[in-house]
Structures are given as structure tokens and as C-alpha cells.
Amino acid sequence: MDSIKLKKTIDELSKIINISEEQKQSLFYKYLIDSKGIDYARGYLDANEKAIIDIKNIIEQENIECD
């Protein structure tokens, strides 16, 4: 199962069994570690954290109003 399908599956399950966002993230990262290894999971995490920083910087530089 690819990571996009897995995220959708976890989202669907969370509606049925009522799990938190933190629990969903834990399941997803466990899948990444088990199927692709710790280095891959770390790279995925690092890329997502960098994207958040980049988006924040763009918002500040362009003076975009956000909630």
C-alpha cells in the first residue's frame, strides 16, 4: 500500500474507531519505519517540517493574512 492510500485508510478508520490526530500520525510513521526503514521515515518527517517553515516564510514575505 502506498503512503497516500494508507493515509486515506487511517483517516477512514479514525472516523470509525475515534482516534486522535497524534495516534494517526503514530500509525503512519510506524508504517513508514516498518516498510521503508527509519532513514526514509526521518526524511519524510524532515521534508514535511521544511515545507511548513517554507510556507510560513512565504506568508511573512508576501504579507499574506491567514487565520
PDB file of N, CA and C in Angstrom:
ATOM      1  N   MET A   1       0.852  -1.176   0.000  1.00  0.00           N
ATOM      2  CA  MET A   1       0.000   0.000   0.000  1.00  0.00           C
ATOM      3  C   MET A   1       0.894   1.234   0.000  1.00  0.00           C
ATOM      4  N   ASP A   2       0.599   2.186  -0.878  1.00  0.00           N
ATOM      5  CA  ASP A   2       1.408   3.392  -0.890  1.00  0.00           C
ATOM      6  C   ASP A   2       0.967   4.330   0.228  1.00  0.00           C
ATOM      7  N   SER A   3       1.781   5.344   0.502  1.00  0.00           N
ATOM      8  CA  SER A   3       1.545   6.210   1.652  1.00  0.00           C
ATOM      9  C   SER A   3       0.262   7.025   1.535  1.00  0.00           C
ATOM     10  N   ILE A   4      -0.139   7.407   0.325  1.00  0.00           N
ATOM     11  CA  ILE A   4      -1.378   8.187   0.158  1.00  0.00           C
ATOM     12  C   ILE A   4      -2.591   7.310   0.480  1.00  0.00           C
ATOM     13  N   LYS A   5      -2.588   6.080  -0.024  1.00  0.00           N
ATOM     14  CA  LYS A   5      -3.690   5.166   0.284  1.00  0.00           C
ATOM     15  C   LYS A   5      -3.732   4.864   1.779  1.00  0.00           C
ATOM     16  N   LEU A   6      -2.562   4.716   2.384  1.00  0.00           N
ATOM     17  CA  LEU A   6      -2.512   4.433   3.812  1.00  0.00           C
ATOM     18  C   LEU A   6      -3.108   5.590   4.607  1.00  0.00           C
ATOM     19  N   LYS A   7      -2.751   6.828   4.272  1.00  0.00           N
ATOM     20  CA  LYS A   7      -3.304   7.980   4.983  1.00  0.00           C
ATOM     21  C   LYS A   7      -4.822   8.014   4.867  1.00  0.00           C
ATOM     22  N   LYS A   8      -5.357   7.737   3.668  1.00  0.00           N
ATOM     23  CA  LYS A   8      -6.807   7.716   3.482  1.00  0.00           C
ATOM     24  C   LYS A   8      -7.434   6.618   4.332  1.00  0.00           C
ATOM     25  N   THR A   9      -6.808   5.454   4.363  1.00  0.00           N
ATOM     26  CA  THR A   9      -7.315   4.340   5.158  1.00  0.00           C
ATOM     27  C   THR A   9      -7.310   4.692   6.637  1.00  0.00           C
ATOM     28  N   ILE A  10      -6.231   5.296   7.117  1.00  0.00           N
ATOM     29  CA  ILE A  10      -6.151   5.696   8.517  1.00  0.00           C
ATOM     30  C   ILE A  10      -7.219   6.738   8.828  1.00  0.00           C
ATOM     31  N   ASP A  11      -7.428   7.701   7.928  1.00  0.00           N
ATOM     32  CA  ASP A  11      -8.467   8.709   8.123  1.00  0.00           C
ATOM     33  C   ASP A  11      -9.851   8.068   8.216  1.00  0.00           C
ATOM     34  N   GLU A  12     -10.119   7.104   7.333  1.00  0.00           N
ATOM     35  CA  GLU A  12     -11.410   6.420   7.357  1.00  0.00           C
ATOM     36  C   GLU A  12     -11.582   5.631   8.651  1.00  0.00           C
ATOM     37  N   LEU A  13     -10.544   4.930   9.064  1.00  0.00           N
ATOM     38  CA  LEU A  13     -10.614   4.169  10.315  1.00  0.00           C
ATOM     39  C   LEU A  13     -10.797   5.071  11.523  1.00  0.00           C
ATOM     40  N   SER A  14     -10.180   6.235  11.480  1.00  0.00           N
ATOM     41  CA  SER A  14     -10.269   7.140  12.634  1.00  0.00           C
ATOM     42  C   SER A  14     -11.705   7.601  12.870  1.00  0.00           C
ATOM     43  N   LYS A  15     -12.494   7.671  11.810  1.00  0.00           N
ATOM     44  CA  LYS A  15     -13.905   8.042  11.960  1.00  0.00           C
ATOM     45  C   LYS A  15     -14.695   6.928  12.634  1.00  0.00           C
ATOM     46  N   ILE A  16     -14.283   5.696  12.395  1.00  0.00           N
ATOM     47  CA  ILE A  16     -14.990   4.541  12.960  1.00  0.00           C
ATOM     48  C   ILE A  16     -14.568   4.296  14.403  1.00  0.00           C
ATOM     49  N   ILE A  17     -13.265   4.344  14.655  1.00  0.00           N
ATOM     50  CA  ILE A  17     -12.767   3.987  15.990  1.00  0.00           C
ATOM     51  C   ILE A  17     -12.351   5.191  16.824  1.00  0.00           C
ATOM     52  N   ASN A  18     -12.537   6.399  16.285  1.00  0.00           N
ATOM     53  CA  ASN A  18     -12.306   7.632  17.027  1.00  0.00           C
ATOM     54  C   ASN A  18     -10.890   7.724  17.613  1.00  0.00           C
ATOM     55  N   ILE A  19      -9.882   7.815  16.727  1.00  0.00           N
ATOM     56  CA  ILE A  19      -8.518   8.007  17.196  1.00  0.00           C
ATOM     57  C   ILE A  19      -8.094   9.453  16.929  1.00  0.00           C
ATOM     58  N   SER A  20      -7.151   9.909  17.715  1.00  0.00           N
ATOM     59  CA  SER A  20      -6.694  11.294  17.630  1.00  0.00           C
ATOM     60  C   SER A  20      -5.741  11.488  16.449  1.00  0.00           C
ATOM     61  N   GLU A  21      -5.479  12.759  16.136  1.00  0.00           N
ATOM     62  CA  GLU A  21      -4.500  13.082  15.092  1.00  0.00           C
ATOM     63  C   GLU A  21      -3.132  12.519  15.453  1.00  0.00           C
ATOM     64  N   GLU A  22      -2.773  12.612  16.712  1.00  0.00           N
ATOM     65  CA  GLU A  22      -1.474  12.090  17.159  1.00  0.00           C
ATOM     66  C   GLU A  22      -1.388  10.585  16.939  1.00  0.00           C
ATOM     67  N   GLN A  23      -2.463   9.882  17.227  1.00  0.00           N
ATOM     68  CA  GLN A  23      -2.481   8.439  17.018  1.00  0.00           C
ATOM     69  C   GLN A  23      -2.403   8.100  15.527  1.00  0.00           C
ATOM     70  N   LYS A  24      -3.067   8.902  14.688  1.00  0.00           N
ATOM     71  CA  LYS A  24      -2.990   8.680  13.240  1.00  0.00           C
ATOM     72  C   LYS A  24      -1.561   8.870  12.756  1.00  0.00           C
ATOM     73  N   GLN A  25      -0.894   9.922  13.240  1.00  0.00           N
ATOM     74  CA  GLN A  25       0.494  10.151  12.837  1.00  0.00           C
ATOM     75  C   GLN A  25       1.395   9.001  13.294  1.00  0.00           C
ATOM     76  N   SER A  26       1.155   8.516  14.495  1.00  0.00           N
ATOM     77  CA  SER A  26       1.952   7.397  15.004  1.00  0.00           C
ATOM     78  C   SER A  26       1.793   6.164  14.126  1.00  0.00           C
ATOM     79  N   LEU A  27       0.556   5.866  13.730  1.00  0.00           N
ATOM     80  CA  LEU A  27       0.319   4.716  12.849  1.00  0.00           C
ATOM     81  C   LEU A  27       1.026   4.888  11.509  1.00  0.00           C
ATOM     82  N   PHE A  28       0.930   6.094  10.963  1.00  0.00           N
ATOM     83  CA  PHE A  28       1.544   6.352   9.669  1.00  0.00           C
ATOM     84  C   PHE A  28       3.061   6.209   9.743  1.00  0.00           C
ATOM     85  N   TYR A  29       3.685   6.795  10.763  1.00  0.00           N
ATOM     86  CA  TYR A  29       5.144   6.698  10.871  1.00  0.00           C
ATOM     87  C   TYR A  29       5.595   5.279  11.203  1.00  0.00           C
ATOM     88  N   LYS A  30       4.800   4.544  11.953  1.00  0.00           N
ATOM     89  CA  LYS A  30       5.133   3.137  12.202  1.00  0.00           C
ATOM     90  C   LYS A  30       5.140   2.371  10.880  1.00  0.00           C
ATOM     91  N   TYR A  31       4.138   2.643  10.041  1.00  0.00           N
ATOM     92  CA  TYR A  31       4.102   2.003   8.720  1.00  0.00           C
ATOM     93  C   TYR A  31       5.357   2.357   7.923  1.00  0.00           C
ATOM     94  N   LEU A  32       5.710   3.644   7.882  1.00  0.00           N
ATOM     95  CA  LEU A  32       6.895   4.048   7.125  1.00  0.00           C
ATOM     96  C   LEU A  32       8.149   3.363   7.640  1.00  0.00           C
ATOM     97  N   ILE A  33       8.311   3.336   8.948  1.00  0.00           N
ATOM     98  CA  ILE A  33       9.501   2.706   9.540  1.00  0.00           C
ATOM     99  C   ILE A  33       9.527   1.213   9.220  1.00  0.00           C
ATOM    100  N   ASP A  34       8.379   0.546   9.413  1.00  0.00           N
ATOM    101  CA  ASP A  34       8.324  -0.903   9.186  1.00  0.00           C
ATOM    102  C   ASP A  34       8.515  -1.271   7.714  1.00  0.00           C
ATOM    103  N   SER A  35       7.986  -0.455   6.814  1.00  0.00           N
ATOM    104  CA  SER A  35       8.033  -0.834   5.404  1.00  0.00           C
ATOM    105  C   SER A  35       9.219  -0.254   4.642  1.00  0.00           C
ATOM    106  N   LYS A  36       9.699   0.921   5.063  1.00  0.00           N
ATOM    107  CA  LYS A  36      10.749   1.592   4.288  1.00  0.00           C
ATOM    108  C   LYS A  36      11.999   1.917   5.097  1.00  0.00           C
ATOM    109  N   GLY A  37      11.921   1.778   6.405  1.00  0.00           N
ATOM    110  CA  GLY A  37      13.088   1.997   7.243  1.00  0.00           C
ATOM    111  C   GLY A  37      13.077   3.355   7.942  1.00  0.00           C
ATOM    112  N   ILE A  38      13.874   3.436   8.979  1.00  0.00           N
ATOM    113  CA  ILE A  38      13.926   4.640   9.818  1.00  0.00           C
ATOM    114  C   ILE A  38      14.466   5.842   9.047  1.00  0.00           C
ATOM    115  N   ASP A  39      15.434   5.635   8.181  1.00  0.00           N
ATOM    116  CA  ASP A  39      16.006   6.751   7.425  1.00  0.00           C
ATOM    117  C   ASP A  39      14.973   7.371   6.482  1.00  0.00           C
ATOM    118  N   TYR A  40      14.164   6.536   5.858  1.00  0.00           N
ATOM    119  CA  TYR A  40      13.112   7.035   4.977  1.00  0.00           C
ATOM    120  C   TYR A  40      12.084   7.837   5.781  1.00  0.00           C
ATOM    121  N   ALA A  41      11.662   7.283   6.919  1.00  0.00           N
ATOM    122  CA  ALA A  41      10.674   7.962   7.769  1.00  0.00           C
ATOM    123  C   ALA A  41      11.223   9.300   8.256  1.00  0.00           C
ATOM    124  N   ARG A  42      12.491   9.334   8.620  1.00  0.00           N
ATOM    125  CA  ARG A  42      13.124  10.587   9.075  1.00  0.00           C
ATOM    126  C   ARG A  42      13.157  11.592   7.921  1.00  0.00           C
ATOM    127  N   GLY A  43      13.488  11.139   6.730  1.00  0.00           N
ATOM    128  CA  GLY A  43      13.496  12.027   5.566  1.00  0.00           C
ATOM    129  C   GLY A  43      12.119  12.591   5.277  1.00  0.00           C
ATOM    130  N   TYR A  44      11.098  11.762   5.423  1.00  0.00           N
ATOM    131  CA  TYR A  44       9.717  12.202   5.214  1.00  0.00           C
ATOM    132  C   TYR A  44       9.355  13.275   6.242  1.00  0.00           C
ATOM    133  N   LEU A  45       9.689  13.025   7.495  1.00  0.00           N
ATOM    134  CA  LEU A  45       9.426  13.998   8.565  1.00  0.00           C
ATOM    135  C   LEU A  45      10.173  15.301   8.304  1.00  0.00           C
ATOM    136  N   ASP A  46      11.445  15.206   7.985  1.00  0.00           N
ATOM    137  CA  ASP A  46      12.251  16.404   7.729  1.00  0.00           C
ATOM    138  C   ASP A  46      11.700  17.221   6.563  1.00  0.00           C
ATOM    139  N   ALA A  47      11.288  16.539   5.495  1.00  0.00           N
ATOM    140  CA  ALA A  47      10.734  17.242   4.331  1.00  0.00           C
ATOM    141  C   ALA A  47       9.445  17.976   4.689  1.00  0.00           C
ATOM    142  N   ASN A  48       8.610  17.350   5.492  1.00  0.00           N
ATOM    143  CA  ASN A  48       7.360  17.988   5.908  1.00  0.00           C
ATOM    144  C   ASN A  48       7.612  19.177   6.819  1.00  0.00           C
ATOM    145  N   GLU A  49       8.566  19.048   7.727  1.00  0.00           N
ATOM    146  CA  GLU A  49       8.897  20.173   8.610  1.00  0.00           C
ATOM    147  C   GLU A  49       9.476  21.341   7.815  1.00  0.00           C
ATOM    148  N   LYS A  50      10.318  21.033   6.823  1.00  0.00           N
ATOM    149  CA  LYS A  50      10.880  22.088   5.977  1.00  0.00           C
ATOM    150  C   LYS A  50       9.784  22.789   5.184  1.00  0.00           C
ATOM    151  N   ALA A  51       8.831  22.016   4.681  1.00  0.00           N
ATOM    152  CA  ALA A  51       7.721  22.606   3.922  1.00  0.00           C
ATOM    153  C   ALA A  51       6.915  23.568   4.780  1.00  0.00           C
ATOM    154  N   ILE A  52       6.688  23.223   6.037  1.00  0.00           N
ATOM    155  CA  ILE A  52       5.954  24.106   6.951  1.00  0.00           C
ATOM    156  C   ILE A  52       6.709  25.413   7.148  1.00  0.00           C
ATOM    157  N   ILE A  53       8.013  25.313   7.357  1.00  0.00           N
ATOM    158  CA  ILE A  53       8.841  26.517   7.524  1.00  0.00           C
ATOM    159  C   ILE A  53       8.821  27.363   6.263  1.00  0.00           C
ATOM    160  N   ASP A  54       8.955  26.720   5.103  1.00  0.00           N
ATOM    161  CA  ASP A  54       8.933  27.448   3.827  1.00  0.00           C
ATOM    162  C   ASP A  54       7.605  28.183   3.638  1.00  0.00           C
ATOM    163  N   ILE A  55       6.503  27.528   3.944  1.00  0.00           N
ATOM    164  CA  ILE A  55       5.190  28.163   3.796  1.00  0.00           C
ATOM    165  C   ILE A  55       5.055  29.346   4.750  1.00  0.00           C
ATOM    166  N   LYS A  56       5.506  29.192   5.981  1.00  0.00           N
ATOM    167  CA  LYS A  56       5.465  30.307   6.938  1.00  0.00           C
ATOM    168  C   LYS A  56       6.284  31.485   6.419  1.00  0.00           C
ATOM    169  N   ASN A  57       7.455  31.203   5.857  1.00  0.00           N
ATOM    170  CA  ASN A  57       8.307  32.273   5.330  1.00  0.00           C
ATOM    171  C   ASN A  57       7.639  32.998   4.167  1.00  0.00           C
ATOM    172  N   ILE A  58       7.021  32.251   3.281  1.00  0.00           N
ATOM    173  CA  ILE A  58       6.317  32.864   2.150  1.00  0.00           C
ATOM    174  C   ILE A  58       5.180  33.746   2.656  1.00  0.00           C
ATOM    175  N   ILE A  59       4.431  33.268   3.618  1.00  0.00           N
ATOM    176  CA  ILE A  59       3.322  34.047   4.185  1.00  0.00           C
ATOM    177  C   ILE A  59       3.839  35.360   4.762  1.00  0.00           C
ATOM    178  N   GLU A  60       4.940  35.299   5.492  1.00  0.00           N
ATOM    179  CA  GLU A  60       5.510  36.511   6.074  1.00  0.00           C
ATOM    180  C   GLU A  60       6.055  37.437   5.013  1.00  0.00           C
ATOM    181  N   GLN A  61       6.796  36.912   4.047  1.00  0.00           N
ATOM    182  CA  GLN A  61       7.412  37.740   2.993  1.00  0.00           C
ATOM    183  C   GLN A  61       6.375  38.411   2.114  1.00  0.00           C
ATOM    184  N   GLU A  62       5.295  37.740   1.856  1.00  0.00           N
ATOM    185  CA  GLU A  62       4.255  38.262   0.969  1.00  0.00           C
ATOM    186  C   GLU A  62       3.140  38.975   1.734  1.00  0.00           C
ATOM    187  N   ASN A  63       3.284  39.058   3.054  1.00  0.00           N
ATOM    188  CA  ASN A  63       2.270  39.694   3.912  1.00  0.00           C
ATOM    189  C   ASN A  63       0.873  39.138   3.661  1.00  0.00           C
ATOM    190  N   ILE A  64       0.776  37.822   3.625  1.00  0.00           N
ATOM    191  CA  ILE A  64      -0.500  37.159   3.400  1.00  0.00           C
ATOM    192  C   ILE A  64      -1.209  37.019   4.745  1.00  0.00           C
ATOM    193  N   GLU A  65      -2.458  37.445   4.779  1.00  0.00           N
ATOM    194  CA  GLU A  65      -3.250  37.324   6.015  1.00  0.00           C
ATOM    195  C   GLU A  65      -3.811  35.924   6.106  1.00  0.00           C
ATOM    196  N   CYS A  66      -3.616  35.297   7.255  1.00  0.00           N
ATOM    197  CA  CYS A  66      -4.116  33.935   7.489  1.00  0.00           C
ATOM    198  C   CYS A  66      -4.748  33.855   8.865  1.00  0.00           C
ATOM    199  N   ASP A  67      -5.627  32.892   8.999  1.00  0.00           N
ATOM    200  CA  ASP A  67      -6.210  32.616  10.325  1.00  0.00           C
ATOM    201  C   ASP A  67      -5.361  31.605  11.045  1.00  0.00           C
TER     202      ASP A  67
END
